[in-house]
Amino acid sequence: MAVRVEKDGAVWTVIHSRPQARNAMDPDSAAALYDAFHAFDRDDRAHVAVFWGEGGAFCAGWDLKHASALSGADALDPFDYPEAGEPPMAAMGPSRLELSKPVIAAVAGPAVAGGMELAMWADMRVMEDTAYMGVYCRRWGIPLIDGGTVRLPRLVGEGRAMDLILTGRRVDAEEALRIGLCEYVVPDGQARGQAESLAHDIARFPQSCLRADRRSTKAQHGLDLRAAMRQEWWNSKPEVTIGVKGAMRFASGKGRGGDFDDV
């Protein structure tokens, strides 16, 4: 089985396992990942997901051996956006999903081409020292169709995004951390553990408030300041009443001095 899910309380680790192909994406894996993340989003017991590629590679992109067997533009018809309604599954699986809960990518080895797009789909990225990203599909004339031209400029700014998109060059973990393409760099072999530790920390917090702030952060793209401030208010107003209970816990002595251990 190329995709499996390991559950530890409110944290799900979604594992892609095609190590013989450096976790390159084939149609079966794409569908299985899509279904796994859909299931995660629907399950009320699940709060945070970790996305990890087994065998020392996050994802080497779209399986080019499979792609070479396709013929003509009709091969992409299943992925076309409809004129209305929800988009279908993407070629890389879950990259068009807009989940209500956070996902953390644990990146070892390559996260290149479509694999880089999957890593950017996540809310945060933990990279190992020797992990790397890059628009490697630049070499073959294959475009970014799984959110790369949308998410990369939002993460690192347009100028840096243009550099990476146009040159297709390799981006090592240290540079990725410096430019905002990842949030943590850890020693080799520790990306999954660090991502799961972060996931458990996040899963401890009041979830409706956390998801409201996450939703507002994502919704503000493209809005002017006044419109963004307005949507933040109407998105999060219901959480203020709930938050009063948290303030009462603070008044009773919890969380003093920025203590996150007992919330």
C-alpha atoms as a PDB file:
ATOM      1  CA  MET A   1       0.000   0.000   0.000  1.00  0.00           C
ATOM      2  CA  ALA A   2       1.565   3.274  -1.139  1.00  0.00           C
ATOM      3  CA  VAL A   3      -0.328   5.442   1.372  1.00  0.00           C
ATOM      4  CA  ARG A   4      -1.134   4.692   4.987  1.00  0.00           C
ATOM      5  CA  VAL A   5      -2.205   6.710   8.028  1.00  0.00           C
ATOM      6  CA  GLU A   6      -0.816   6.333  11.532  1.00  0.00           C
ATOM      7  CA  LYS A   7      -2.913   7.921  14.288  1.00  0.00           C
ATOM      8  CA  ASP A   8      -1.700   9.118  17.674  1.00  0.00           C
ATOM      9  CA  GLY A   9      -4.598  10.770  19.462  1.00  0.00           C
ATOM     10  CA  ALA A  10      -5.584  13.925  17.616  1.00  0.00           C
ATOM     11  CA  VAL A  11      -2.519  13.768  15.327  1.00  0.00           C
ATOM     12  CA  TRP A  12      -2.622  11.844  12.046  1.00  0.00           C
ATOM     13  CA  THR A  13       0.574  11.093  10.141  1.00  0.00           C
ATOM     14  CA  VAL A  14      -0.191  10.564   6.452  1.00  0.00           C
ATOM     15  CA  ILE A  15       2.627   8.530   4.906  1.00  0.00           C
ATOM     16  CA  HIS A  16       3.424   8.254   1.208  1.00  0.00           C
ATOM     17  CA  SER A  17       5.533   5.169   0.591  1.00  0.00           C
ATOM     18  CA  ARG A  18       6.912   4.612  -2.909  1.00  0.00           C
ATOM     19  CA  PRO A  19      10.604   4.624  -1.923  1.00  0.00           C
ATOM     20  CA  GLN A  20      11.602   2.806  -5.114  1.00  0.00           C
ATOM     21  CA  ALA A  21      10.468   5.918  -7.019  1.00  0.00           C
ATOM     22  CA  ARG A  22      11.575   8.481  -4.406  1.00  0.00           C
ATOM     23  CA  ASN A  23       7.872   8.931  -3.676  1.00  0.00           C
ATOM     24  CA  ALA A  24       7.131  10.300  -7.133  1.00  0.00           C
ATOM     25  CA  MET A  25       3.378  10.665  -7.579  1.00  0.00           C
ATOM     26  CA  ASP A  26       1.432   8.159  -9.639  1.00  0.00           C
ATOM     27  CA  PRO A  27      -2.381   8.135 -10.048  1.00  0.00           C
ATOM     28  CA  ASP A  28      -2.975   5.548  -7.306  1.00  0.00           C
ATOM     29  CA  SER A  29      -0.895   7.479  -4.765  1.00  0.00           C
ATOM     30  CA  ALA A  30      -2.545  10.763  -5.726  1.00  0.00           C
ATOM     31  CA  ALA A  31      -6.025   9.325  -5.175  1.00  0.00           C
ATOM     32  CA  ALA A  32      -5.039   7.655  -1.903  1.00  0.00           C
ATOM     33  CA  LEU A  33      -3.505  10.861  -0.514  1.00  0.00           C
ATOM     34  CA  TYR A  34      -6.525  12.865  -1.596  1.00  0.00           C
ATOM     35  CA  ASP A  35      -8.832  10.435   0.206  1.00  0.00           C
ATOM     36  CA  ALA A  36      -6.638  10.336   3.322  1.00  0.00           C
ATOM     37  CA  PHE A  37      -6.640  14.108   3.761  1.00  0.00           C
ATOM     38  CA  HIS A  38     -10.365  14.287   3.069  1.00  0.00           C
ATOM     39  CA  ALA A  39     -10.900  11.723   5.822  1.00  0.00           C
ATOM     40  CA  PHE A  40      -8.654  13.697   8.181  1.00  0.00           C
ATOM     41  CA  ASP A  41     -10.637  16.875   7.599  1.00  0.00           C
ATOM     42  CA  ARG A  42     -13.972  15.139   8.217  1.00  0.00           C
ATOM     43  CA  ASP A  43     -12.966  13.335  11.413  1.00  0.00           C
ATOM     44  CA  ASP A  44     -13.825  15.421  14.490  1.00  0.00           C
ATOM     45  CA  ARG A  45     -11.226  13.545  16.537  1.00  0.00           C
ATOM     46  CA  ALA A  46      -8.379  14.619  14.240  1.00  0.00           C
ATOM     47  CA  HIS A  47      -6.824  18.048  14.819  1.00  0.00           C
ATOM     48  CA  VAL A  48      -3.463  18.210  13.018  1.00  0.00           C
ATOM     49  CA  ALA A  49      -1.925  16.131  10.211  1.00  0.00           C
ATOM     50  CA  VAL A  50       1.730  15.444   9.442  1.00  0.00           C
ATOM     51  CA  PHE A  51       2.575  14.684   5.803  1.00  0.00           C
ATOM     52  CA  TRP A  52       5.700  12.516   5.444  1.00  0.00           C
ATOM     53  CA  GLY A  53       7.395  10.592   2.648  1.00  0.00           C
ATOM     54  CA  GLU A  54       8.860   7.275   3.755  1.00  0.00           C
ATOM     55  CA  GLY A  55      12.290   6.094   2.697  1.00  0.00           C
ATOM     56  CA  GLY A  56      14.296   9.322   2.726  1.00  0.00           C
ATOM     57  CA  ALA A  57      12.402  11.349   0.114  1.00  0.00           C
ATOM     58  CA  PHE A  58       9.403  13.629   0.549  1.00  0.00           C
ATOM     59  CA  CYS A  59       8.340  13.562  -3.107  1.00  0.00           C
ATOM     60  CA  ALA A  60      10.339  13.696  -6.334  1.00  0.00           C
ATOM     61  CA  GLY A  61       7.386  15.176  -8.229  1.00  0.00           C
ATOM     62  CA  TRP A  62       5.017  13.721 -10.779  1.00  0.00           C
ATOM     63  CA  ASP A  63       6.019  10.255 -11.936  1.00  0.00           C
ATOM     64  CA  LEU A  64       7.606  11.072 -15.311  1.00  0.00           C
ATOM     65  CA  LYS A  65       7.514   7.438 -16.400  1.00  0.00           C
ATOM     66  CA  HIS A  66       3.738   7.608 -16.062  1.00  0.00           C
ATOM     67  CA  ALA A  67       3.630  11.069 -17.677  1.00  0.00           C
ATOM     68  CA  SER A  68       5.609   9.837 -20.692  1.00  0.00           C
ATOM     69  CA  ALA A  69       2.873   7.303 -21.421  1.00  0.00           C
ATOM     70  CA  LEU A  70       0.167   9.967 -21.667  1.00  0.00           C
ATOM     71  CA  SER A  71      -0.914  11.320 -25.031  1.00  0.00           C
ATOM     72  CA  GLY A  72      -2.260  14.772 -25.803  1.00  0.00           C
ATOM     73  CA  ALA A  73      -4.089  17.358 -23.741  1.00  0.00           C
ATOM     74  CA  ASP A  74      -6.977  14.933 -23.174  1.00  0.00           C
ATOM     75  CA  ALA A  75      -4.836  13.191 -20.572  1.00  0.00           C
ATOM     76  CA  LEU A  76      -5.340  16.175 -18.279  1.00  0.00           C
ATOM     77  CA  ASP A  77      -9.128  16.337 -18.691  1.00  0.00           C
ATOM     78  CA  PRO A  78      -9.812  14.702 -15.298  1.00  0.00           C
ATOM     79  CA  PHE A  79      -7.969  17.578 -13.603  1.00  0.00           C
ATOM     80  CA  ASP A  80      -9.641  20.475 -15.449  1.00  0.00           C
ATOM     81  CA  TYR A  81     -11.348  23.121 -13.327  1.00  0.00           C
ATOM     82  CA  PRO A  82     -15.116  23.207 -13.899  1.00  0.00           C
ATOM     83  CA  GLU A  83     -16.894  26.491 -14.576  1.00  0.00           C
ATOM     84  CA  ALA A  84     -18.542  26.220 -11.148  1.00  0.00           C
ATOM     85  CA  GLY A  85     -18.307  24.101  -8.043  1.00  0.00           C
ATOM     86  CA  GLU A  86     -15.401  22.462  -6.249  1.00  0.00           C
ATOM     87  CA  PRO A  87     -12.263  21.608  -8.233  1.00  0.00           C
ATOM     88  CA  PRO A  88     -11.509  17.936  -8.881  1.00  0.00           C
ATOM     89  CA  MET A  89      -8.518  16.121  -7.493  1.00  0.00           C
ATOM     90  CA  ALA A  90      -5.223  17.505  -8.769  1.00  0.00           C
ATOM     91  CA  ALA A  91      -2.533  15.565 -10.593  1.00  0.00           C
ATOM     92  CA  MET A  92      -0.513  15.576  -7.350  1.00  0.00           C
ATOM     93  CA  GLY A  93      -3.529  14.503  -5.287  1.00  0.00           C
ATOM     94  CA  PRO A  94      -4.466  16.818  -2.383  1.00  0.00           C
ATOM     95  CA  SER A  95      -2.866  20.065  -3.604  1.00  0.00           C
ATOM     96  CA  ARG A  96      -6.235  21.713  -4.440  1.00  0.00           C
ATOM     97  CA  LEU A  97      -7.877  20.795  -1.150  1.00  0.00           C
ATOM     98  CA  GLU A  98      -8.694  23.676   1.189  1.00  0.00           C
ATOM     99  CA  LEU A  99      -8.729  21.937   4.551  1.00  0.00           C
ATOM    100  CA  SER A 100     -10.173  23.376   7.753  1.00  0.00           C
ATOM    101  CA  LYS A 101      -7.276  22.016   9.850  1.00  0.00           C
ATOM    102  CA  PRO A 102      -3.490  22.447   9.747  1.00  0.00           C
ATOM    103  CA  VAL A 103      -1.039  20.173   7.954  1.00  0.00           C
ATOM    104  CA  ILE A 104       2.704  20.063   8.645  1.00  0.00           C
ATOM    105  CA  ALA A 105       5.039  18.725   5.945  1.00  0.00           C
ATOM    106  CA  ALA A 106       8.001  16.682   7.225  1.00  0.00           C
ATOM    107  CA  VAL A 107      10.585  16.914   4.454  1.00  0.00           C
ATOM    108  CA  ALA A 108      13.537  14.577   3.989  1.00  0.00           C
ATOM    109  CA  GLY A 109      15.537  14.395   0.790  1.00  0.00           C
ATOM    110  CA  PRO A 110      13.934  15.887  -2.321  1.00  0.00           C
ATOM    111  CA  ALA A 111      10.708  17.881  -2.402  1.00  0.00           C
ATOM    112  CA  VAL A 112      11.006  18.927  -6.003  1.00  0.00           C
ATOM    113  CA  ALA A 113       8.705  19.884  -8.891  1.00  0.00           C
ATOM    114  CA  GLY A 114       5.222  18.704  -7.869  1.00  0.00           C
ATOM    115  CA  GLY A 115       6.702  17.521  -4.570  1.00  0.00           C
ATOM    116  CA  MET A 116       7.699  21.100  -3.808  1.00  0.00           C
ATOM    117  CA  GLU A 117       4.143  22.147  -4.607  1.00  0.00           C
ATOM    118  CA  LEU A 118       2.835  19.573  -2.114  1.00  0.00           C
ATOM    119  CA  ALA A 119       5.220  20.821   0.574  1.00  0.00           C
ATOM    120  CA  MET A 120       4.013  24.394  -0.022  1.00  0.00           C
ATOM    121  CA  TRP A 121       0.386  23.209   0.227  1.00  0.00           C
ATOM    122  CA  ALA A 122       1.039  22.408   3.887  1.00  0.00           C
ATOM    123  CA  ASP A 123       0.728  25.109   6.556  1.00  0.00           C
ATOM    124  CA  MET A 124       4.308  24.631   7.775  1.00  0.00           C
ATOM    125  CA  ARG A 125       7.390  22.763   6.662  1.00  0.00           C
ATOM    126  CA  VAL A 126      10.065  20.981   8.714  1.00  0.00           C
ATOM    127  CA  MET A 127      13.135  20.183   6.614  1.00  0.00           C
ATOM    128  CA  GLU A 128      16.080  17.964   7.429  1.00  0.00           C
ATOM    129  CA  ASP A 129      19.614  19.325   6.988  1.00  0.00           C
ATOM    130  CA  THR A 130      20.132  17.571   3.665  1.00  0.00           C
ATOM    131  CA  ALA A 131      16.600  18.064   2.326  1.00  0.00           C
ATOM    132  CA  TYR A 132      16.081  20.314  -0.672  1.00  0.00           C
ATOM    133  CA  MET A 133      13.450  21.823  -2.931  1.00  0.00           C
ATOM    134  CA  GLY A 134      13.461  23.070  -6.492  1.00  0.00           C
ATOM    135  CA  VAL A 135      11.332  23.557  -9.590  1.00  0.00           C
ATOM    136  CA  TYR A 136      13.106  20.653 -11.264  1.00  0.00           C
ATOM    137  CA  CYS A 137      10.314  20.247 -13.820  1.00  0.00           C
ATOM    138  CA  ARG A 138      11.783  23.371 -15.473  1.00  0.00           C
ATOM    139  CA  ARG A 139      14.201  21.024 -17.279  1.00  0.00           C
ATOM    140  CA  TRP A 140      11.436  19.125 -19.062  1.00  0.00           C
ATOM    141  CA  GLY A 141       9.034  21.922 -19.961  1.00  0.00           C
ATOM    142  CA  ILE A 142       6.409  20.763 -17.463  1.00  0.00           C
ATOM    143  CA  PRO A 143       4.592  23.705 -15.819  1.00  0.00           C
ATOM    144  CA  LEU A 144       3.588  24.168 -12.215  1.00  0.00           C
ATOM    145  CA  ILE A 145      -0.100  23.202 -12.097  1.00  0.00           C
ATOM    146  CA  ASP A 146      -0.499  22.255  -8.418  1.00  0.00           C
ATOM    147  CA  GLY A 147      -0.316  25.687  -6.803  1.00  0.00           C
ATOM    148  CA  GLY A 148       3.379  26.440  -7.237  1.00  0.00           C
ATOM    149  CA  THR A 149       2.970  29.797  -8.999  1.00  0.00           C
ATOM    150  CA  VAL A 150       0.350  30.803  -6.413  1.00  0.00           C
ATOM    151  CA  ARG A 151       1.822  29.661  -3.105  1.00  0.00           C
ATOM    152  CA  LEU A 152       5.530  30.278  -3.724  1.00  0.00           C
ATOM    153  CA  PRO A 153       5.203  34.090  -4.177  1.00  0.00           C
ATOM    154  CA  ARG A 154       2.984  34.238  -1.088  1.00  0.00           C
ATOM    155  CA  LEU A 155       5.630  32.454   0.957  1.00  0.00           C
ATOM    156  CA  VAL A 156       8.838  34.108  -0.241  1.00  0.00           C
ATOM    157  CA  GLY A 157       7.810  37.179  -2.280  1.00  0.00           C
ATOM    158  CA  GLU A 158       7.557  37.597  -6.038  1.00  0.00           C
ATOM    159  CA  GLY A 159      11.212  38.312  -6.777  1.00  0.00           C
ATOM    160  CA  ARG A 160      12.530  35.235  -4.971  1.00  0.00           C
ATOM    161  CA  ALA A 161       9.700  33.156  -6.409  1.00  0.00           C
ATOM    162  CA  MET A 162      10.631  34.258  -9.938  1.00  0.00           C
ATOM    163  CA  ASP A 163      14.243  33.293  -9.296  1.00  0.00           C
ATOM    164  CA  LEU A 164      13.279  29.781  -8.227  1.00  0.00           C
ATOM    165  CA  ILE A 165      10.598  29.309 -10.898  1.00  0.00           C
ATOM    166  CA  LEU A 166      12.648  30.593 -13.839  1.00  0.00           C
ATOM    167  CA  THR A 167      15.980  28.981 -12.959  1.00  0.00           C
ATOM    168  CA  GLY A 168      14.657  25.723 -11.479  1.00  0.00           C
ATOM    169  CA  ARG A 169      17.691  25.702  -9.207  1.00  0.00           C
ATOM    170  CA  ARG A 170      18.113  23.613  -6.082  1.00  0.00           C
ATOM    171  CA  VAL A 171      17.182  25.215  -2.753  1.00  0.00           C
ATOM    172  CA  ASP A 172      18.845  23.589   0.234  1.00  0.00           C
ATOM    173  CA  ALA A 173      17.300  23.586   3.696  1.00  0.00           C
ATOM    174  CA  GLU A 174      19.422  26.426   5.056  1.00  0.00           C
ATOM    175  CA  GLU A 175      18.381  28.762   2.228  1.00  0.00           C
ATOM    176  CA  ALA A 176      14.764  27.605   2.471  1.00  0.00           C
ATOM    177  CA  LEU A 177      14.748  28.600   6.151  1.00  0.00           C
ATOM    178  CA  ARG A 178      16.362  31.964   5.387  1.00  0.00           C
ATOM    179  CA  ILE A 179      13.869  32.961   2.684  1.00  0.00           C
ATOM    180  CA  GLY A 180      10.745  31.644   4.431  1.00  0.00           C
ATOM    181  CA  LEU A 181      10.219  28.508   2.367  1.00  0.00           C
ATOM    182  CA  CYS A 182      10.357  26.410   5.539  1.00  0.00           C
ATOM    183  CA  GLU A 183       9.953  27.120   9.242  1.00  0.00           C
ATOM    184  CA  TYR A 184      12.270  24.553  10.892  1.00  0.00           C
ATOM    185  CA  VAL A 185      15.489  22.765   9.967  1.00  0.00           C
ATOM    186  CA  VAL A 186      16.444  19.656  11.944  1.00  0.00           C
ATOM    187  CA  PRO A 187      19.159  16.987  11.750  1.00  0.00           C
ATOM    188  CA  ASP A 188      18.689  14.197   9.251  1.00  0.00           C
ATOM    189  CA  GLY A 189      16.187  11.589  10.351  1.00  0.00           C
ATOM    190  CA  GLN A 190      14.283  13.953  12.657  1.00  0.00           C
ATOM    191  CA  ALA A 191      11.785  15.737  10.390  1.00  0.00           C
ATOM    192  CA  ARG A 192       8.903  13.408  11.139  1.00  0.00           C
ATOM    193  CA  GLY A 193       9.528  13.457  14.896  1.00  0.00           C
ATOM    194  CA  GLN A 194       9.790  17.245  15.023  1.00  0.00           C
ATOM    195  CA  ALA A 195       6.678  17.678  12.884  1.00  0.00           C
ATOM    196  CA  GLU A 196       4.708  15.286  15.091  1.00  0.00           C
ATOM    197  CA  SER A 197       5.903  17.087  18.231  1.00  0.00           C
ATOM    198  CA  LEU A 198       4.715  20.399  16.765  1.00  0.00           C
ATOM    199  CA  ALA A 199       1.424  18.767  15.774  1.00  0.00           C
ATOM    200  CA  HIS A 200       0.798  17.525  19.317  1.00  0.00           C
ATOM    201  CA  ASP A 201       1.557  20.988  20.702  1.00  0.00           C
ATOM    202  CA  ILE A 202      -0.930  22.564  18.296  1.00  0.00           C
ATOM    203  CA  ALA A 203      -3.543  19.883  18.982  1.00  0.00           C
ATOM    204  CA  ARG A 204      -3.612  20.845  22.698  1.00  0.00           C
ATOM    205  CA  PHE A 205      -5.035  24.307  22.054  1.00  0.00           C
ATOM    206  CA  PRO A 206      -8.739  25.243  21.785  1.00  0.00           C
ATOM    207  CA  GLN A 207      -9.368  24.154  18.205  1.00  0.00           C
ATOM    208  CA  SER A 208     -12.262  26.354  17.095  1.00  0.00           C
ATOM    209  CA  CYS A 209     -10.277  29.512  17.879  1.00  0.00           C
ATOM    210  CA  LEU A 210      -7.107  28.134  16.298  1.00  0.00           C
ATOM    211  CA  ARG A 211      -8.973  27.252  13.110  1.00  0.00           C
ATOM    212  CA  ALA A 212     -10.678  30.642  12.998  1.00  0.00           C
ATOM    213  CA  ASP A 213      -7.293  32.401  13.103  1.00  0.00           C
ATOM    214  CA  ARG A 214      -5.906  30.021  10.487  1.00  0.00           C
ATOM    215  CA  ARG A 215      -8.956  30.620   8.271  1.00  0.00           C
ATOM    216  CA  SER A 216      -8.646  34.401   8.593  1.00  0.00           C
ATOM    217  CA  THR A 217      -4.936  34.311   7.763  1.00  0.00           C
ATOM    218  CA  LYS A 218      -5.631  32.432   4.547  1.00  0.00           C
ATOM    219  CA  ALA A 219      -8.695  34.508   3.602  1.00  0.00           C
ATOM    220  CA  GLN A 220      -6.900  37.879   3.714  1.00  0.00           C
ATOM    221  CA  HIS A 221      -4.857  37.293   0.547  1.00  0.00           C
ATOM    222  CA  GLY A 222      -5.855  39.780  -2.121  1.00  0.00           C
ATOM    223  CA  LEU A 223      -7.926  41.968   0.200  1.00  0.00           C
ATOM    224  CA  ASP A 224      -7.137  45.577   0.974  1.00  0.00           C
ATOM    225  CA  LEU A 225      -6.443  46.439   4.606  1.00  0.00           C
ATOM    226  CA  ARG A 226      -9.953  47.555   5.498  1.00  0.00           C
ATOM    227  CA  ALA A 227     -11.596  44.534   3.880  1.00  0.00           C
ATOM    228  CA  ALA A 228      -9.097  42.187   5.528  1.00  0.00           C
ATOM    229  CA  MET A 229      -9.716  43.722   8.949  1.00  0.00           C
ATOM    230  CA  ARG A 230     -13.477  43.409   8.399  1.00  0.00           C
ATOM    231  CA  GLN A 231     -13.287  39.741   7.418  1.00  0.00           C
ATOM    232  CA  GLU A 232     -11.036  39.048  10.425  1.00  0.00           C
ATOM    233  CA  TRP A 233     -13.658  40.532  12.749  1.00  0.00           C
ATOM    234  CA  TRP A 234     -16.656  38.688  11.328  1.00  0.00           C
ATOM    235  CA  ASN A 235     -14.695  35.466  11.028  1.00  0.00           C
ATOM    236  CA  SER A 236     -13.461  35.509  14.626  1.00  0.00           C
ATOM    237  CA  LYS A 237     -16.129  37.417  16.558  1.00  0.00           C
ATOM    238  CA  PRO A 238     -17.910  34.227  17.759  1.00  0.00           C
ATOM    239  CA  GLU A 239     -14.651  32.977  19.276  1.00  0.00           C
ATOM    240  CA  VAL A 240     -14.329  35.951  21.639  1.00  0.00           C
ATOM    241  CA  THR A 241     -17.203  34.729  23.781  1.00  0.00           C
ATOM    242  CA  ILE A 242     -15.627  31.295  23.990  1.00  0.00           C
ATOM    243  CA  GLY A 243     -12.276  32.881  24.797  1.00  0.00           C
ATOM    244  CA  VAL A 244     -13.689  34.480  27.936  1.00  0.00           C
ATOM    245  CA  LYS A 245     -13.542  31.026  29.510  1.00  0.00           C
ATOM    246  CA  GLY A 246      -9.831  30.926  28.735  1.00  0.00           C
ATOM    247  CA  ALA A 247      -9.401  34.331  30.342  1.00  0.00           C
ATOM    248  CA  MET A 248     -11.067  32.956  33.481  1.00  0.00           C
ATOM    249  CA  ARG A 249      -8.509  30.137  33.550  1.00  0.00           C
ATOM    250  CA  PHE A 250      -5.711  32.700  33.281  1.00  0.00           C
ATOM    251  CA  ALA A 251      -7.237  34.616  36.165  1.00  0.00           C
ATOM    252  CA  SER A 252      -7.160  31.430  38.217  1.00  0.00           C
ATOM    253  CA  GLY A 253      -3.398  31.162  37.694  1.00  0.00           C
ATOM    254  CA  LYS A 254      -2.991  29.114  34.497  1.00  0.00           C
ATOM    255  CA  GLY A 255      -0.470  30.120  31.817  1.00  0.00           C
ATOM    256  CA  ARG A 256       1.259  32.877  33.750  1.00  0.00           C
ATOM    257  CA  GLY A 257       4.530  34.188  32.345  1.00  0.00           C
ATOM    258  CA  GLY A 258       3.835  32.746  28.914  1.00  0.00           C
ATOM    259  CA  ASP A 259       3.656  29.161  30.205  1.00  0.00           C
ATOM    260  CA  PHE A 260       2.249  26.882  27.480  1.00  0.00           C
ATOM    261  CA  ASP A 261       2.766  23.637  29.400  1.00  0.00           C
ATOM    262  CA  ASP A 262      -0.538  23.559  31.255  1.00  0.00           C
ATOM    263  CA  VAL A 263      -3.317  24.870  29.060  1.00  0.00           C
END
